Amino acid sequence: MRSDRFDRRRLAALGVALLLPLTLWAVLPLPSHGQDAGALQGTIESSRARERTLSSAISRLAALEQRAERAITLLRGRLSRAQAELGEREAALARTRDELRAERRHLARLRARLERDRATLAAALRAQYTTTPPDLVTVVLTSSDFADLVDRAAFYKRVRRRNASVVTAVRRARDATQRETARLAVLAPRQARAAREVRAERDSLAAKTAALHAQEQTLSRARAARQAALRATTADRRRAERELRSLEAAQQRAAVDKRGPGGPWAIPWAIVQCESGGQNMPPNYAGASGYYQFIPSTWRALGGSTPHAYQAPKAEQDRLAAKLWAGGSGARNWDCAAIVGII
């Protein structure tokens, strides 16, 4: 019984250990998908970190599964031995019951025989008491000849022998009945004790089997949850990677696409669209103006012919913008280059 309690505590501890990592993963936030490269890259890195942590948890879970499998193997061995012992006890119980039924039938036959022998003895005793036994003189005088005398003597001898055998049979039947009664008194408690032991063994076997099934179900749930978490995390990361690749491709296309409404531009159209919308804008609060939003100091440093860029023709603005762009190395001169993802 002590070992059974230990087994149940060990199985319960293993079940808690198996489900704890899964419970922690159940409360972790799912990765969110952004629309810009920074958010997508953050999602990918978060997913990779989660996959690494999940892989570590899976390794620990695998170790716990191995321990649980060993415990289940040991429990199955004990169940097999208990089942064999239970079969032996049931067979012994069946033999005891058969023996008890046989002894009861034997006892009934002995009691019937005892009653018959008692009746025979009682009849013989009544006959002896109601009939006056002849003495030797009467026997001699009433005998017709010597042969009749011998016959009568033999008859009386047989009567005495029969009476003696009846008495012996009654005594033996009585003794046998007493012995069988005592034996039944021993067999009955033995049978009851065996029945109690078999029931206790069956209850223990049922409890162990239930614990085994519960442990197997825990392992199955843990394995399924682990696989689902790994698949979901990997799918989220791959989806974010696809979105990032798509966004990077779009940004690369935008970086080389210098055509937009109104014809070609000196820098990528995405930057122009972000800066001015393709319009020759007057100075804003910072003084930036024109199609490319030159500030006055930059416009003058590039050799602009007018005080402000918007006052110059588009061709001049295109020429100076291409000079500032410098094949892409000057992209940082426009804040919108970072906003549209070109840098």
Protein backbone atom coordinates (compact mmCIF):
# COMPACT_ATOMS: atom_id res chain seq x y z
CA MET A 1 0.00 0.00 0.00
CA ARG A 2 2.89 2.34 0.78
CA SER A 3 4.41 1.69 -2.65
CA ASP A 4 1.04 2.37 -4.29
CA ARG A 5 0.88 5.80 -2.65
CA PHE A 6 4.43 6.49 -3.79
CA ASP A 7 3.52 5.52 -7.37
CA ARG A 8 0.52 7.81 -7.36
CA ARG A 9 2.57 10.73 -5.99
CA ARG A 10 5.29 10.13 -8.57
CA LEU A 11 2.78 9.94 -11.44
CA ALA A 12 1.06 13.12 -10.23
CA ALA A 13 4.37 14.97 -10.02
CA LEU A 14 5.28 13.85 -13.53
CA GLY A 15 1.90 15.02 -14.83
CA VAL A 16 2.41 18.49 -13.27
CA ALA A 17 5.93 18.71 -14.66
CA LEU A 18 4.70 17.75 -18.12
CA LEU A 19 1.87 20.26 -18.19
CA LEU A 20 3.75 23.23 -16.64
CA PRO A 21 5.75 24.19 -19.78
CA LEU A 22 2.59 23.96 -21.85
CA THR A 23 0.71 26.20 -19.40
CA LEU A 24 3.44 28.80 -19.65
CA TRP A 25 3.30 28.70 -23.45
CA ALA A 26 -0.47 29.03 -23.39
CA VAL A 27 -0.19 32.49 -21.77
CA LEU A 28 2.59 33.79 -24.02
CA PRO A 29 1.43 36.53 -26.45
CA LEU A 30 1.17 35.62 -30.08
CA PRO A 31 3.41 37.56 -32.48
CA SER A 32 1.79 40.54 -34.15
CA HIS A 33 2.39 41.33 -37.78
CA GLY A 34 3.29 44.87 -38.74
CA GLN A 35 3.25 46.48 -42.14
CA ASP A 36 6.73 48.02 -42.07
CA ALA A 37 10.13 46.35 -42.23
CA GLY A 38 11.06 47.24 -38.64
CA ALA A 39 7.91 45.72 -37.17
CA LEU A 40 8.24 42.61 -39.32
CA GLN A 41 11.90 42.18 -38.38
CA GLY A 42 10.96 42.53 -34.72
CA THR A 43 8.28 39.89 -35.17
CA ILE A 44 10.76 37.54 -36.82
CA GLU A 45 13.34 38.00 -34.08
CA SER A 46 10.69 37.51 -31.40
CA SER A 47 9.49 34.34 -33.12
CA ARG A 48 13.02 33.00 -33.40
CA ALA A 49 13.65 33.69 -29.72
CA ARG A 50 10.39 31.96 -28.89
CA GLU A 51 11.33 28.99 -31.07
CA ARG A 52 14.67 28.70 -29.27
CA THR A 53 12.94 28.82 -25.90
CA LEU A 54 10.33 26.37 -27.13
CA SER A 55 13.02 24.02 -28.38
CA SER A 56 14.62 24.11 -24.94
CA ALA A 57 11.24 23.43 -23.36
CA ILE A 58 10.69 20.58 -25.80
CA SER A 59 14.02 19.07 -24.75
CA ARG A 60 13.01 19.24 -21.11
CA LEU A 61 9.61 17.84 -21.99
CA ALA A 62 11.24 14.97 -23.88
CA ALA A 63 13.32 14.15 -20.79
CA LEU A 64 10.15 14.17 -18.69
CA GLU A 65 8.44 11.94 -21.23
CA GLN A 66 11.32 9.47 -21.01
CA ARG A 67 11.02 9.45 -17.24
CA ALA A 68 7.27 8.97 -17.52
CA GLU A 69 7.75 6.15 -20.03
CA ARG A 70 10.13 4.41 -17.65
CA ALA A 71 7.60 4.82 -14.84
CA ILE A 72 4.86 3.45 -17.08
CA THR A 73 7.06 0.49 -18.03
CA LEU A 74 7.66 -0.29 -14.36
CA LEU A 75 3.97 0.10 -13.63
CA ARG A 76 3.07 -2.22 -16.49
CA GLY A 77 5.43 -4.82 -15.09
CA ARG A 78 3.79 -4.52 -11.70
CA LEU A 79 0.36 -4.71 -13.31
CA SER A 80 1.38 -7.85 -15.18
CA ARG A 81 2.62 -9.50 -11.99
CA ALA A 82 -0.49 -8.37 -10.11
CA GLN A 83 -2.68 -9.77 -12.87
CA ALA A 84 -0.88 -13.11 -12.71
CA GLU A 85 -1.21 -13.20 -8.92
CA LEU A 86 -4.86 -12.25 -9.21
CA GLY A 87 -5.41 -15.14 -11.62
CA GLU A 88 -3.75 -17.54 -9.19
CA ARG A 89 -5.87 -16.30 -6.32
CA GLU A 90 -9.04 -16.54 -8.34
CA ALA A 91 -8.14 -20.10 -9.29
CA ALA A 92 -7.43 -20.92 -5.64
CA LEU A 93 -10.71 -19.30 -4.65
CA ALA A 94 -12.56 -21.36 -7.25
CA ARG A 95 -10.89 -24.54 -5.96
CA THR A 96 -11.81 -23.62 -2.41
CA ARG A 97 -15.40 -23.03 -3.40
CA ASP A 98 -15.54 -26.35 -5.27
CA GLU A 99 -14.02 -28.11 -2.29
CA LEU A 100 -16.45 -26.43 0.04
CA ARG A 101 -19.40 -27.50 -2.08
CA ALA A 102 -18.04 -31.07 -2.26
CA GLU A 103 -17.54 -31.19 1.50
CA ARG A 104 -21.04 -29.90 2.06
CA ARG A 105 -22.41 -32.65 -0.17
CA HIS A 106 -20.24 -35.20 1.63
CA LEU A 107 -21.47 -33.91 4.97
CA ALA A 108 -25.06 -34.20 3.81
CA ARG A 109 -24.43 -37.82 2.78
CA LEU A 110 -22.77 -38.59 6.12
CA ARG A 111 -25.66 -37.07 8.01
CA ALA A 112 -28.15 -39.13 5.98
CA ARG A 113 -26.08 -42.26 6.62
CA LEU A 114 -25.91 -41.44 10.32
CA GLU A 115 -29.67 -41.11 10.46
CA ARG A 116 -30.09 -44.48 8.74
CA ASP A 117 -27.60 -46.17 11.06
CA ARG A 118 -29.26 -44.64 14.08
CA ALA A 119 -32.64 -45.88 12.90
CA THR A 120 -31.23 -49.37 12.30
CA LEU A 121 -29.61 -49.40 15.72
CA ALA A 122 -32.77 -48.16 17.37
CA ALA A 123 -34.83 -50.90 15.66
CA ALA A 124 -32.37 -53.57 16.75
CA LEU A 125 -32.36 -52.31 20.32
CA ARG A 126 -36.14 -52.21 20.42
CA ALA A 127 -36.28 -55.79 19.10
CA GLN A 128 -33.84 -56.91 21.78
CA TYR A 129 -35.77 -55.25 24.59
CA THR A 130 -39.20 -56.43 23.39
CA THR A 131 -38.12 -60.04 22.79
CA THR A 132 -37.02 -62.16 25.73
CA PRO A 133 -33.69 -63.63 24.80
CA PRO A 134 -33.70 -67.42 25.29
CA ASP A 135 -31.22 -68.90 27.71
CA LEU A 136 -28.91 -71.76 26.88
CA VAL A 137 -31.13 -74.43 28.44
CA THR A 138 -34.14 -73.28 26.45
CA VAL A 139 -32.14 -73.29 23.27
CA VAL A 140 -30.89 -76.81 23.91
CA LEU A 141 -34.26 -78.17 24.90
CA THR A 142 -36.13 -76.56 22.00
CA SER A 143 -33.63 -77.65 19.37
CA SER A 144 -34.83 -80.60 17.34
CA ASP A 145 -31.38 -81.96 16.81
CA PHE A 146 -27.70 -80.98 17.01
CA ALA A 147 -27.75 -79.31 13.63
CA ASP A 148 -30.65 -77.08 14.71
CA LEU A 149 -28.73 -76.22 17.86
CA VAL A 150 -25.70 -75.18 15.85
CA ASP A 151 -27.84 -73.08 13.53
CA ARG A 152 -29.51 -71.31 16.42
CA ALA A 153 -26.19 -70.57 18.07
CA ALA A 154 -24.81 -69.18 14.80
CA PHE A 155 -27.91 -67.04 14.37
CA TYR A 156 -27.58 -65.44 17.80
CA LYS A 157 -23.87 -64.87 17.13
CA ARG A 158 -24.64 -63.10 13.85
CA VAL A 159 -27.25 -60.94 15.62
CA ARG A 160 -24.65 -59.84 18.19
CA ARG A 161 -22.04 -59.20 15.49
CA ARG A 162 -24.51 -57.17 13.43
CA ASN A 163 -25.49 -55.09 16.43
CA ALA A 164 -21.81 -54.48 17.17
CA SER A 165 -21.16 -53.44 13.53
CA VAL A 166 -24.13 -51.09 13.62
CA VAL A 167 -22.77 -49.48 16.77
CA THR A 168 -19.31 -49.17 15.18
CA ALA A 169 -20.79 -47.68 12.00
CA VAL A 170 -22.76 -45.14 13.99
CA ARG A 171 -19.65 -44.19 15.96
CA ARG A 172 -17.57 -43.82 12.78
CA ALA A 173 -20.25 -41.81 11.05
CA ARG A 174 -20.50 -39.55 14.06
CA ASP A 175 -16.73 -39.05 14.19
CA ALA A 176 -16.55 -38.42 10.43
CA THR A 177 -19.37 -35.92 10.71
CA GLN A 178 -17.58 -34.08 13.48
CA ARG A 179 -14.33 -34.00 11.50
CA GLU A 180 -16.03 -32.70 8.38
CA THR A 181 -17.91 -30.11 10.38
CA ALA A 182 -14.63 -28.89 11.87
CA ARG A 183 -13.02 -28.84 8.42
CA LEU A 184 -15.88 -26.81 7.01
CA ALA A 185 -15.51 -24.41 9.91
CA VAL A 186 -11.90 -23.85 8.73
CA LEU A 187 -12.72 -23.75 5.01
CA ALA A 188 -15.48 -21.16 5.34
CA PRO A 189 -13.28 -18.42 6.91
CA ARG A 190 -10.51 -19.30 4.46
CA GLN A 191 -12.91 -18.82 1.58
CA ALA A 192 -14.13 -15.50 2.98
CA ARG A 193 -10.55 -14.31 3.54
CA ALA A 194 -9.56 -15.31 0.00
CA ALA A 195 -12.57 -13.45 -1.37
CA ARG A 196 -11.58 -10.30 0.54
CA GLU A 197 -7.99 -10.57 -0.71
CA VAL A 198 -9.17 -11.00 -4.30
CA ARG A 199 -11.46 -7.97 -4.03
CA ALA A 200 -8.65 -5.88 -2.52
CA GLU A 201 -6.30 -7.01 -5.29
CA ARG A 202 -8.87 -6.13 -7.92
CA ASP A 203 -9.38 -2.66 -6.40
CA SER A 204 -5.63 -2.06 -6.37
CA LEU A 205 -5.35 -3.29 -9.96
CA ALA A 206 -8.18 -0.98 -11.05
CA ALA A 207 -6.53 2.02 -9.35
CA LYS A 208 -3.16 1.29 -10.97
CA THR A 209 -4.77 0.84 -14.37
CA ALA A 210 -6.61 4.17 -14.01
CA ALA A 211 -3.35 5.89 -13.05
CA LEU A 212 -1.65 4.35 -16.08
CA HIS A 213 -4.38 5.54 -18.42
CA ALA A 214 -4.28 9.04 -16.90
CA GLN A 215 -0.52 9.21 -17.34
CA GLU A 216 -0.76 8.06 -20.95
CA GLN A 217 -3.43 10.69 -21.64
CA THR A 218 -1.24 13.37 -20.03
CA LEU A 219 1.65 12.37 -22.25
CA SER A 220 -0.58 12.44 -25.31
CA ARG A 221 -1.90 15.92 -24.48
CA ALA A 222 1.59 17.21 -23.73
CA ARG A 223 2.94 15.85 -27.00
CA ALA A 224 0.04 17.33 -29.02
CA ALA A 225 0.34 20.74 -27.32
CA ARG A 226 4.09 20.79 -27.85
CA GLN A 227 3.73 20.03 -31.56
CA ALA A 228 0.94 22.59 -31.97
CA ALA A 229 2.98 25.32 -30.26
CA LEU A 230 6.01 24.57 -32.40
CA ARG A 231 3.97 24.53 -35.62
CA ALA A 232 2.21 27.80 -34.75
CA THR A 233 5.43 29.59 -33.86
CA THR A 234 7.21 28.37 -36.99
CA ALA A 235 4.24 29.33 -39.17
CA ASP A 236 4.14 32.84 -37.67
CA ARG A 237 7.85 33.33 -38.28
CA ARG A 238 7.67 32.10 -41.86
CA ARG A 239 4.67 34.31 -42.57
CA ALA A 240 6.52 37.35 -41.19
CA GLU A 241 9.58 36.43 -43.25
CA ARG A 242 7.46 36.24 -46.40
CA GLU A 243 5.92 39.61 -45.66
CA LEU A 244 9.37 41.09 -44.99
CA ARG A 245 10.74 39.70 -48.24
CA SER A 246 7.76 41.09 -50.11
CA LEU A 247 8.16 44.49 -48.47
CA GLU A 248 11.90 44.56 -49.14
CA ALA A 249 11.29 43.69 -52.77
CA ALA A 250 8.76 46.51 -53.02
CA GLN A 251 11.24 48.89 -51.41
CA GLN A 252 13.96 47.81 -53.81
CA ARG A 253 11.65 48.40 -56.71
CA ALA A 254 10.78 51.82 -55.30
CA ALA A 255 14.48 52.62 -54.83
CA VAL A 256 15.18 52.23 -58.54
CA ASP A 257 11.82 53.43 -59.85
CA LYS A 258 12.25 57.12 -60.67
CA ARG A 259 9.13 57.43 -62.75
CA GLY A 260 5.98 58.91 -61.40
CA PRO A 261 3.23 61.35 -62.41
CA GLY A 262 4.70 63.99 -64.61
CA GLY A 263 7.63 61.93 -65.98
CA PRO A 264 10.98 60.83 -64.64
CA TRP A 265 12.55 62.18 -61.44
CA ALA A 266 16.12 62.61 -60.32
CA ILE A 267 15.55 60.50 -57.20
CA PRO A 268 13.12 57.61 -56.54
CA TRP A 269 9.51 58.61 -57.00
CA ALA A 270 8.60 57.16 -53.55
CA ILE A 271 10.78 59.82 -51.89
CA VAL A 272 9.41 62.60 -54.06
CA GLN A 273 5.88 61.51 -53.32
CA CYS A 274 6.61 61.48 -49.59
CA GLU A 275 8.40 64.84 -49.65
CA SER A 276 6.19 66.95 -51.91
CA GLY A 277 3.66 64.72 -53.59
CA GLY A 278 5.27 65.67 -56.90
CA GLN A 279 4.31 69.35 -56.49
CA ASN A 280 6.57 72.42 -56.67
CA MET A 281 5.89 73.38 -53.07
CA PRO A 282 6.61 76.85 -51.59
CA PRO A 283 8.78 77.06 -48.48
CA ASN A 284 7.44 75.36 -45.38
CA TYR A 285 8.13 76.31 -41.73
CA ALA A 286 11.74 75.05 -42.15
CA GLY A 287 12.22 76.84 -45.46
CA ALA A 288 12.25 73.65 -47.58
CA SER A 289 10.67 74.11 -50.99
CA GLY A 290 10.40 72.79 -54.49
CA TYR A 291 9.81 69.32 -55.86
CA TYR A 292 12.62 67.86 -53.77
CA GLN A 293 12.19 70.03 -50.66
CA PHE A 294 15.61 71.67 -50.63
CA ILE A 295 16.35 73.86 -47.62
CA PRO A 296 17.95 77.21 -48.57
CA SER A 297 21.45 76.38 -47.26
CA THR A 298 21.60 73.10 -49.19
CA TRP A 299 20.17 74.77 -52.31
CA ARG A 300 22.83 77.49 -52.23
CA ALA A 301 25.63 74.98 -51.49
CA LEU A 302 24.64 72.99 -54.58
CA GLY A 303 24.82 76.16 -56.70
CA GLY A 304 21.13 77.02 -56.99
CA SER A 305 20.46 80.10 -59.13
CA THR A 306 17.50 81.35 -57.10
CA PRO A 307 17.01 82.20 -53.42
CA HIS A 308 14.66 79.21 -53.02
CA ALA A 309 14.43 75.97 -54.92
CA TYR A 310 10.76 76.32 -55.92
CA GLN A 311 11.67 79.47 -57.84
CA ALA A 312 13.99 77.51 -60.19
CA PRO A 313 12.77 75.51 -63.18
CA LYS A 314 12.21 71.78 -62.71
CA ALA A 315 15.23 70.92 -64.85
CA GLU A 316 17.53 72.80 -62.50
CA GLN A 317 15.90 71.17 -59.50
CA ASP A 318 16.31 67.74 -61.14
CA ARG A 319 19.99 68.40 -61.84
CA LEU A 320 20.82 69.52 -58.32
CA ALA A 321 18.71 66.73 -56.78
CA ALA A 322 20.64 64.13 -58.82
CA LYS A 323 23.88 65.74 -57.65
CA LEU A 324 22.77 65.51 -54.01
CA TRP A 325 21.47 61.96 -54.51
CA ALA A 326 24.91 60.87 -55.78
CA GLY A 327 23.74 57.48 -57.01
CA GLY A 328 22.01 56.73 -53.71
CA SER A 329 24.87 57.55 -51.33
CA GLY A 330 23.17 60.85 -50.48
CA ALA A 331 19.79 59.31 -49.73
CA ARG A 332 20.10 60.30 -46.07
CA ASN A 333 19.65 63.94 -47.06
CA TRP A 334 15.91 63.17 -47.35
CA ASP A 335 14.03 62.08 -44.22
CA CYS A 336 11.46 60.37 -46.40
CA ALA A 337 14.11 57.89 -47.64
CA ALA A 338 13.97 56.26 -44.21
CA ILE A 339 10.20 56.57 -43.99
CA VAL A 340 9.60 54.72 -47.26
CA GLY A 341 12.24 52.13 -46.34
CA ILE A 342 14.90 52.89 -48.91
CA ILE A 343 17.53 53.34 -46.19
